[in-house]
């Protein structure tokens, strides 16, 4: 058998943006020093920040002792050292031998490029008669593998081992027809997957949605209440105006990006990654510096590489769906304002009586906790809801060292205790 050829790693994406952010910021220190250095021809003392001004006498004394130009030389060397370290961290990641090696379970249903993977195949405990079927819906942007990263870091396999039968929606990459999908089309596809699963399980399944997948499953539960036994939402955004911290770039660029999606037919992966970059432009610099300091053969480095592979292997977002997210969700807050229309039906959480669990990671920088919390707000959120706040992050809630105890266990217990419900 020929060894499997793996594609070259492209991350962190978009690489020029991450490298350019670091280089321009660090290199600007040399220009700033010329403005701040006392006696420099281009010096402008009024522009010196107060914290820097307090250090100038100390820097001048050190330079007088070491010799003229020594500070500038040291500054230049430090900039070069930091850039070298960032480049070394990126190259160490790209050259790392570890790749995700789990065998994916079989598909039992498909439509277009969407498949339904039966995680009951991973554990016989999940295949006993009467096991609770759970339709698991991930985001349209980041792929599903974060829910099944390694044998030890797999929420889906933990669910199966506990006697649940997860069926995962693998959205794939939009084909020519799917590039025309909006939320109505995606929810309609979920409805057909749910109908198949209801017939297969002979009773209404539970539904679990993660991130953007959670938002879509709220609409699914609103449109198919008799076929959803329970609804579990993990970091699902809803009120997009509840906390707009870090969204300045997205809001200002949203209309332009929507036009790009209209013209191209999709919002490409590198543009989506740029939106994530805008939440914390220095994140890549910090994390690749940490990665370089890890034991490259250890478990921490291995998990870093697998997570980074997942982060950089997203899918483009279909053009109409991208416009709806940028303008409808983030711009007009249609879900939070009760104005989101899916297939002609207005989606109002307070009218959904399905037993629901809303899990909110307090350290989430992708979905603000206040946005997700709207789904559990009395009088406004889901009617029959349990709220669980977790001291974890958006990704950490499913793969961190504390995820099993703080997220997986209560989630699995809640799903297992949903009353049985015959679909009609």
Protein backbone atom coordinates (compact mmCIF):
# COMPACT_ATOMS: atom_id res chain seq x y z
CA UNK A 1 0.00 0.00 0.00
CA UNK A 2 1.31 3.42 -0.96
CA UNK A 3 1.74 5.87 1.97
CA UNK A 4 -0.93 8.54 2.12
CA UNK A 5 0.23 11.84 0.63
CA UNK A 6 -0.76 14.71 2.87
CA UNK A 7 -1.28 18.25 1.57
CA UNK A 8 1.21 20.91 2.59
CA UNK A 9 0.11 22.97 5.56
CA UNK A 10 -0.98 26.51 4.70
CA UNK A 11 -1.41 27.92 8.18
CA UNK A 12 -1.55 30.14 9.95
CA UNK A 13 -3.93 31.63 7.40
CA UNK A 14 -3.61 34.10 5.84
CA UNK A 15 0.13 33.86 6.46
CA UNK A 16 1.10 37.23 4.89
CA UNK A 17 -1.34 38.99 7.22
CA UNK A 18 0.10 37.39 10.36
CA UNK A 19 3.71 38.00 9.33
CA UNK A 20 2.94 41.52 8.12
CA UNK A 21 1.18 42.41 11.38
CA UNK A 22 4.25 41.40 13.37
CA UNK A 23 6.80 42.97 11.04
CA UNK A 24 5.06 46.32 10.64
CA UNK A 25 4.38 46.63 14.37
CA UNK A 26 7.89 45.71 15.48
CA UNK A 27 9.60 47.66 12.69
CA UNK A 28 7.60 50.75 13.60
CA UNK A 29 9.59 50.83 16.84
CA UNK A 30 12.62 52.11 14.91
CA UNK A 31 10.59 54.92 13.33
CA UNK A 32 9.04 55.78 16.67
CA UNK A 33 12.46 55.98 18.33
CA UNK A 34 13.58 58.61 15.82
CA UNK A 35 10.57 60.72 16.83
CA UNK A 36 11.06 60.22 20.53
CA UNK A 37 14.85 60.32 20.91
CA UNK A 38 15.97 63.62 22.47
CA UNK A 39 18.22 65.56 20.12
CA UNK A 40 17.16 63.66 17.01
CA UNK A 41 16.53 65.96 13.98
CA UNK A 42 13.05 64.47 13.61
CA UNK A 43 12.32 64.41 17.33
CA UNK A 44 8.84 65.47 18.42
CA UNK A 45 8.71 65.36 22.20
CA UNK A 46 5.01 66.24 22.31
CA UNK A 47 4.22 62.92 20.65
CA UNK A 48 5.97 60.81 23.28
CA UNK A 49 3.54 58.69 25.35
CA UNK A 50 3.78 59.34 29.08
CA UNK A 51 4.99 55.82 29.88
CA UNK A 52 7.80 56.10 27.29
CA UNK A 53 8.74 59.62 28.41
CA UNK A 54 9.45 58.28 31.88
CA UNK A 55 11.97 55.82 30.40
CA UNK A 56 13.83 58.24 28.12
CA UNK A 57 16.29 59.52 30.78
CA UNK A 58 17.19 55.94 31.69
CA UNK A 59 17.69 54.99 28.02
CA UNK A 60 19.83 58.11 27.47
CA UNK A 61 22.01 57.25 30.48
CA UNK A 62 22.51 53.67 29.31
CA UNK A 63 23.36 54.81 25.78
CA UNK A 64 25.86 57.39 27.08
CA UNK A 65 27.56 54.60 28.95
CA UNK A 66 27.50 52.09 26.08
CA UNK A 67 28.20 54.46 23.22
CA UNK A 68 26.25 56.36 20.57
CA UNK A 69 23.99 54.27 18.36
CA UNK A 70 24.07 51.25 20.64
CA UNK A 71 20.38 51.49 21.52
CA UNK A 72 19.36 51.62 17.84
CA UNK A 73 21.54 48.58 17.12
CA UNK A 74 20.04 46.67 20.04
CA UNK A 75 16.53 47.60 18.92
CA UNK A 76 17.24 46.37 15.39
CA UNK A 77 18.61 43.07 16.70
CA UNK A 78 15.57 42.54 18.91
CA UNK A 79 13.19 43.10 15.99
CA UNK A 80 15.15 40.57 13.91
CA UNK A 81 15.18 38.09 16.81
CA UNK A 82 11.41 38.29 17.24
CA UNK A 83 10.77 37.86 13.51
CA UNK A 84 13.13 34.89 13.40
CA UNK A 85 11.37 33.30 16.36
CA UNK A 86 7.95 33.75 14.76
CA UNK A 87 9.21 32.26 11.48
CA UNK A 88 10.80 29.35 13.33
CA UNK A 89 7.54 28.67 15.17
CA UNK A 90 5.53 28.65 11.93
CA UNK A 91 8.06 26.39 10.19
CA UNK A 92 8.15 24.01 13.18
CA UNK A 93 4.37 23.71 12.91
CA UNK A 94 4.40 23.21 9.15
CA UNK A 95 7.07 20.50 9.38
CA UNK A 96 5.58 18.66 12.34
CA UNK A 97 4.95 14.98 11.52
CA UNK A 98 1.66 14.68 13.42
CA UNK A 99 -1.62 14.57 11.50
CA UNK A 100 -5.13 13.58 12.57
CA UNK A 101 -5.28 9.81 12.07
CA UNK A 102 -8.72 8.81 13.32
CA UNK A 103 -10.86 6.73 10.99
CA UNK A 104 -14.13 8.52 10.29
CA UNK A 105 -17.36 6.58 10.82
CA UNK A 106 -19.57 5.63 7.87
CA UNK A 107 -22.03 7.99 6.23
CA UNK A 108 -25.65 6.82 6.45
CA UNK A 109 -27.24 9.71 4.53
CA UNK A 110 -26.07 12.35 2.12
CA UNK A 111 -27.39 15.22 0.05
CA UNK A 112 -25.15 17.32 -2.15
CA UNK A 113 -21.83 17.60 -0.32
CA UNK A 114 -23.46 17.12 3.09
CA UNK A 115 -23.12 13.76 4.84
CA UNK A 116 -24.49 12.29 8.06
CA UNK A 117 -21.82 10.29 9.89
CA UNK A 118 -22.97 7.59 12.33
CA UNK A 119 -20.76 7.74 15.43
CA UNK A 120 -22.62 4.75 16.79
CA UNK A 121 -20.18 2.75 14.68
CA UNK A 122 -17.34 3.78 17.02
CA UNK A 123 -18.72 2.05 20.13
CA UNK A 124 -21.09 -0.88 20.55
CA UNK A 125 -22.59 0.79 23.64
CA UNK A 126 -24.19 3.33 21.28
CA UNK A 127 -25.74 0.60 19.14
CA UNK A 128 -27.99 -0.95 21.76
CA UNK A 129 -31.70 -0.82 21.10
CA UNK A 130 -33.24 2.42 22.34
CA UNK A 131 -30.01 4.44 22.42
CA UNK A 132 -30.78 8.15 22.18
CA UNK A 133 -30.03 9.47 18.69
CA UNK A 134 -28.46 12.93 18.63
CA UNK A 135 -28.20 15.06 15.49
CA UNK A 136 -24.95 17.03 15.90
CA UNK A 137 -24.65 20.22 13.85
CA UNK A 138 -21.29 22.06 13.67
CA UNK A 139 -20.53 25.44 12.15
CA UNK A 140 -20.62 26.01 8.41
CA UNK A 141 -17.20 27.70 8.58
CA UNK A 142 -14.94 25.60 10.78
CA UNK A 143 -15.19 21.91 10.04
CA UNK A 144 -16.45 19.28 12.46
CA UNK A 145 -13.14 17.57 13.34
CA UNK A 146 -12.70 19.61 16.53
CA UNK A 147 -15.48 17.42 17.95
CA UNK A 148 -13.41 14.31 17.13
CA UNK A 149 -9.81 15.49 17.25
CA UNK A 150 -8.09 12.46 18.80
CA UNK A 151 -9.26 9.27 20.48
CA UNK A 152 -8.84 11.01 23.85
CA UNK A 153 -10.14 14.43 22.79
CA UNK A 154 -13.40 13.42 21.12
CA UNK A 155 -16.73 14.67 22.41
CA UNK A 156 -18.51 12.52 19.81
CA UNK A 157 -16.79 9.30 20.88
CA UNK A 158 -17.41 10.13 24.53
CA UNK A 159 -21.11 10.51 23.75
CA UNK A 160 -21.13 7.13 22.00
CA UNK A 161 -19.27 5.47 24.90
CA UNK A 162 -21.93 6.83 27.27
CA UNK A 163 -24.75 5.15 25.35
CA UNK A 164 -25.84 8.03 23.12
CA UNK A 165 -25.82 7.63 19.33
CA UNK A 166 -24.45 10.80 17.71
CA UNK A 167 -25.07 11.45 14.03
CA UNK A 168 -22.77 14.21 12.83
CA UNK A 169 -23.58 16.63 10.02
CA UNK A 170 -20.49 16.96 7.82
CA UNK A 171 -21.25 20.01 5.68
CA UNK A 172 -18.32 19.46 3.32
CA UNK A 173 -17.35 22.23 0.88
CA UNK A 174 -20.19 24.00 -0.97
CA UNK A 175 -20.68 22.71 -4.51
CA UNK A 176 -22.08 24.82 -7.36
CA UNK A 177 -25.68 24.48 -6.13
CA UNK A 178 -24.78 24.95 -2.45
CA UNK A 179 -22.95 28.19 -3.21
CA UNK A 180 -26.46 29.64 -3.63
CA UNK A 181 -27.60 28.53 -0.16
CA UNK A 182 -28.90 30.92 2.49
CA UNK A 183 -30.06 29.99 6.00
CA UNK A 184 -33.43 28.81 4.66
CA UNK A 185 -31.70 26.32 2.35
CA UNK A 186 -29.35 25.08 5.07
CA UNK A 187 -32.14 24.63 7.61
CA UNK A 188 -34.23 22.85 4.97
CA UNK A 189 -31.35 20.42 4.49
CA UNK A 190 -31.20 19.89 8.25
CA UNK A 191 -34.93 19.18 8.21
CA UNK A 192 -34.42 16.41 5.66
CA UNK A 193 -31.53 14.96 7.66
CA UNK A 194 -33.72 15.10 10.77
CA UNK A 195 -36.58 13.35 8.96
CA UNK A 196 -34.22 10.56 7.92
CA UNK A 197 -32.84 10.22 11.43
CA UNK A 198 -36.30 10.26 13.03
CA UNK A 199 -37.35 7.37 10.81
CA UNK A 200 -34.12 5.49 11.48
CA UNK A 201 -34.30 5.96 15.26
CA UNK A 202 -38.10 5.44 15.42
CA UNK A 203 -38.45 8.37 17.76
CA UNK A 204 -37.58 12.05 17.85
CA UNK A 205 -33.82 12.59 18.20
CA UNK A 206 -32.14 15.20 20.34
CA UNK A 207 -30.34 17.96 18.46
CA UNK A 208 -27.00 19.52 19.44
CA UNK A 209 -25.56 22.61 17.76
CA UNK A 210 -22.09 24.09 18.19
CA UNK A 211 -21.31 27.73 17.39
CA UNK A 212 -23.07 28.81 14.18
CA UNK A 213 -24.52 25.31 13.97
CA UNK A 214 -26.37 26.08 17.18
CA UNK A 215 -27.98 29.15 15.65
CA UNK A 216 -29.23 27.04 12.75
CA UNK A 217 -30.60 24.37 15.09
CA UNK A 218 -32.73 26.94 16.92
CA UNK A 219 -34.48 27.50 13.59
CA UNK A 220 -34.70 23.74 13.10
CA UNK A 221 -36.40 23.30 16.48
CA UNK A 222 -38.79 26.17 15.72
CA UNK A 223 -39.79 24.65 12.40
CA UNK A 224 -39.87 20.98 13.46
CA UNK A 225 -40.89 20.96 17.15
CA UNK A 226 -42.41 17.47 17.05
CA UNK A 227 -39.24 15.95 15.66
CA UNK A 228 -36.82 17.48 18.20
CA UNK A 229 -36.85 15.80 21.62
CA UNK A 230 -34.32 18.21 23.12
CA UNK A 231 -32.02 21.00 22.00
CA UNK A 232 -28.47 21.44 23.32
CA UNK A 233 -26.64 24.62 22.28
CA UNK A 234 -22.88 25.06 22.74
CA UNK A 235 -21.61 28.64 22.35
CA UNK A 236 -24.42 29.47 19.92
CA UNK A 237 -24.58 33.18 18.97
CA UNK A 238 -28.00 34.82 19.02
CA UNK A 239 -28.00 38.49 20.06
CA UNK A 240 -25.31 39.92 17.79
CA UNK A 241 -25.58 43.39 19.33
CA UNK A 242 -25.31 42.28 22.98
CA UNK A 243 -21.53 42.76 23.03
CA UNK A 244 -19.77 44.14 19.97
CA UNK A 245 -16.31 44.25 21.54
CA UNK A 246 -13.76 43.36 18.89
CA UNK A 247 -16.26 43.60 16.03
CA UNK A 248 -15.18 47.01 14.70
CA UNK A 249 -13.39 45.55 11.67
CA UNK A 250 -16.22 43.14 10.89
CA UNK A 251 -18.85 45.87 11.11
CA UNK A 252 -16.93 48.35 8.99
CA UNK A 253 -15.91 45.79 6.37
CA UNK A 254 -19.19 43.84 6.42
CA UNK A 255 -20.95 45.60 3.50
CA UNK A 256 -17.85 45.38 1.31
CA UNK A 257 -17.33 41.70 2.14
CA UNK A 258 -20.98 40.99 1.39
CA UNK A 259 -20.45 42.45 -2.08
CA UNK A 260 -17.37 40.26 -2.50
CA UNK A 261 -19.47 37.22 -1.60
CA UNK A 262 -22.14 38.31 -4.11
CA UNK A 263 -19.58 38.62 -6.91
CA UNK A 264 -17.46 35.56 -6.12
CA UNK A 265 -20.33 33.32 -5.02
CA UNK A 266 -18.75 32.60 -1.66
CA UNK A 267 -16.69 34.19 1.09
CA UNK A 268 -13.25 32.54 0.75
CA UNK A 269 -11.49 30.88 3.66
CA UNK A 270 -8.71 33.47 3.87
CA UNK A 271 -11.23 36.29 4.21
CA UNK A 272 -13.03 34.38 6.96
CA UNK A 273 -9.68 33.84 8.68
CA UNK A 274 -9.01 37.57 8.43
CA UNK A 275 -12.21 38.18 10.41
CA UNK A 276 -10.95 35.84 13.13
CA UNK A 277 -7.57 37.62 13.02
CA UNK A 278 -9.33 40.93 13.71
CA UNK A 279 -10.55 39.62 17.08
CA UNK A 280 -6.93 39.32 18.29
CA UNK A 281 -4.30 40.37 15.71
CA UNK A 282 -1.46 39.21 17.97
CA UNK A 283 -2.81 35.74 18.73
CA UNK A 284 -0.69 33.96 16.10
CA UNK A 285 2.47 35.73 17.28
CA UNK A 286 1.83 34.69 20.86
CA UNK A 287 0.80 31.11 20.24
CA UNK A 288 3.56 30.22 17.76
CA UNK A 289 6.10 31.64 20.19
CA UNK A 290 4.68 29.35 22.87
CA UNK A 291 4.66 26.41 20.46
CA UNK A 292 8.36 26.82 19.72
CA UNK A 293 9.08 26.47 23.44
CA UNK A 294 7.19 23.17 23.74
CA UNK A 295 8.69 19.71 23.67
CA UNK A 296 8.04 18.98 19.99
CA UNK A 297 7.51 15.28 20.74
CA UNK A 298 5.14 15.92 23.64
CA UNK A 299 1.36 15.79 23.86
CA UNK A 300 0.98 19.59 24.11
CA UNK A 301 2.79 20.13 20.80
CA UNK A 302 0.77 17.33 19.20
CA UNK A 303 -2.53 18.85 20.29
CA UNK A 304 -1.39 22.31 19.17
CA UNK A 305 -0.65 20.99 15.66
CA UNK A 306 -3.95 19.13 15.36
CA UNK A 307 -5.93 22.16 16.52
CA UNK A 308 -4.03 24.47 14.21
CA UNK A 309 -4.68 22.10 11.30
CA UNK A 310 -8.39 22.26 12.10
CA UNK A 311 -8.40 26.04 12.40
CA UNK A 312 -6.76 26.43 9.01
CA UNK A 313 -8.88 23.86 7.18
CA UNK A 314 -12.15 25.75 7.15
CA UNK A 315 -14.67 25.86 4.33
CA UNK A 316 -15.76 28.89 2.30
CA UNK A 317 -19.16 30.29 3.17
CA UNK A 318 -21.85 30.26 0.47
CA UNK A 319 -22.47 33.76 -0.93
CA UNK A 320 -26.10 34.29 0.19
CA UNK A 321 -25.33 32.80 3.62
CA UNK A 322 -22.32 35.11 3.95
CA UNK A 323 -24.46 38.15 3.13
CA UNK A 324 -27.07 37.04 5.65
CA UNK A 325 -24.45 36.64 8.38
CA UNK A 326 -22.64 39.92 7.68
CA UNK A 327 -25.64 42.16 7.04
CA UNK A 328 -28.58 40.34 8.62
CA UNK A 329 -26.99 38.85 11.72
CA UNK A 330 -24.07 41.11 12.63
CA UNK A 331 -25.44 44.25 10.98
CA UNK A 332 -29.17 44.18 11.72
CA UNK A 333 -29.19 41.57 14.51
CA UNK A 334 -32.18 39.79 12.96
CA UNK A 335 -31.99 36.76 15.32
CA UNK A 336 -31.65 38.84 18.49
CA UNK A 337 -34.34 41.27 17.36
CA UNK A 338 -36.80 38.47 16.61
CA UNK A 339 -36.77 39.30 12.90
CA UNK A 340 -34.88 36.33 11.48
CA UNK A 341 -37.00 34.64 8.81
CA UNK A 342 -36.31 31.04 7.80
CA UNK A 343 -38.52 29.52 5.12
CA UNK A 344 -41.14 32.20 5.71
CA UNK A 345 -41.26 31.58 9.49
CA UNK A 346 -40.05 34.13 12.03
CA UNK A 347 -37.77 32.40 14.52
CA UNK A 348 -38.73 33.41 18.06
CA UNK A 349 -36.97 31.43 20.83
CA UNK A 350 -39.62 32.22 23.46
CA UNK A 351 -42.13 30.23 21.39
CA UNK A 352 -39.96 27.08 21.40
CA UNK A 353 -41.11 24.76 24.20
CA UNK A 354 -38.60 21.97 23.47
CA UNK A 355 -36.43 21.10 26.50
CA UNK A 356 -33.22 23.05 25.92
CA UNK A 357 -29.72 23.36 27.34
CA UNK A 358 -27.70 26.52 26.71
CA UNK A 359 -23.98 26.15 27.48
CA UNK A 360 -22.08 29.44 27.64
CA UNK A 361 -18.26 29.51 27.87
CA UNK A 362 -17.35 32.63 29.85
CA UNK A 363 -13.93 32.93 28.17
CA UNK A 364 -15.31 32.89 24.63
CA UNK A 365 -13.71 35.52 22.37
CA UNK A 366 -15.44 34.32 19.19
CA UNK A 367 -19.05 34.28 20.42
CA UNK A 368 -19.46 36.86 23.20
CA UNK A 369 -21.09 35.20 26.24
CA UNK A 370 -23.81 37.86 26.26
CA UNK A 371 -24.74 36.91 22.70
CA UNK A 372 -25.21 33.24 23.59
CA UNK A 373 -26.90 34.09 26.90
CA UNK A 374 -29.82 35.71 25.08
CA UNK A 375 -31.14 32.21 24.35
CA UNK A 376 -31.48 31.57 28.09
CA UNK A 377 -32.85 34.99 29.06
CA UNK A 378 -36.21 34.76 30.89
CA UNK A 379 -39.11 35.94 28.77
CA UNK A 380 -36.94 36.32 25.70
CA UNK A 381 -34.99 33.11 25.37
CA UNK A 382 -36.08 29.51 24.99
CA UNK A 383 -39.18 28.65 26.99
CA UNK A 384 -38.01 25.43 28.69
CA UNK A 385 -34.31 26.12 29.18
CA UNK A 386 -31.44 25.12 31.46
CA UNK A 387 -28.44 27.45 31.48
CA UNK A 388 -24.91 26.29 32.23
CA UNK A 389 -22.00 28.76 32.38
CA UNK A 390 -18.55 27.25 31.87
CA UNK A 391 -15.14 28.75 32.80
CA UNK A 392 -13.80 27.75 29.39
CA UNK A 393 -13.24 29.23 25.94
CA UNK A 394 -15.02 28.70 22.64
CA UNK A 395 -12.70 25.90 21.53
CA UNK A 396 -11.63 24.85 25.01
CA UNK A 397 -15.16 23.81 25.89
CA UNK A 398 -14.83 20.84 23.52
CA UNK A 399 -11.10 19.96 23.56
CA UNK A 400 -9.33 21.40 26.62
CA UNK A 401 -8.08 19.36 29.54
CA UNK A 402 -11.11 20.45 31.59
CA UNK A 403 -13.67 19.93 28.81
CA UNK A 404 -14.59 16.39 29.86
CA UNK A 405 -15.50 17.33 33.42
CA UNK A 406 -16.98 20.76 32.85
CA UNK A 407 -18.72 20.37 29.47
CA UNK A 408 -18.89 16.81 28.17
CA UNK A 409 -20.18 15.17 31.35
CA UNK A 410 -23.09 17.56 32.08
CA UNK A 411 -23.98 17.66 28.38
CA UNK A 412 -24.09 13.87 28.10
CA UNK A 413 -26.10 13.57 31.32
CA UNK A 414 -28.61 16.16 30.12
CA UNK A 415 -29.02 14.49 26.72
CA UNK A 416 -29.50 11.11 28.38
CA UNK A 417 -32.24 12.43 30.65
CA UNK A 418 -34.45 14.01 27.96
CA UNK A 419 -37.92 12.40 28.09
CA UNK A 420 -38.63 10.10 25.15
CA UNK A 421 -40.79 11.67 22.49
CA UNK A 422 -42.52 9.91 19.64
CA UNK A 423 -42.45 11.97 16.47
CA UNK A 424 -45.69 12.69 14.69
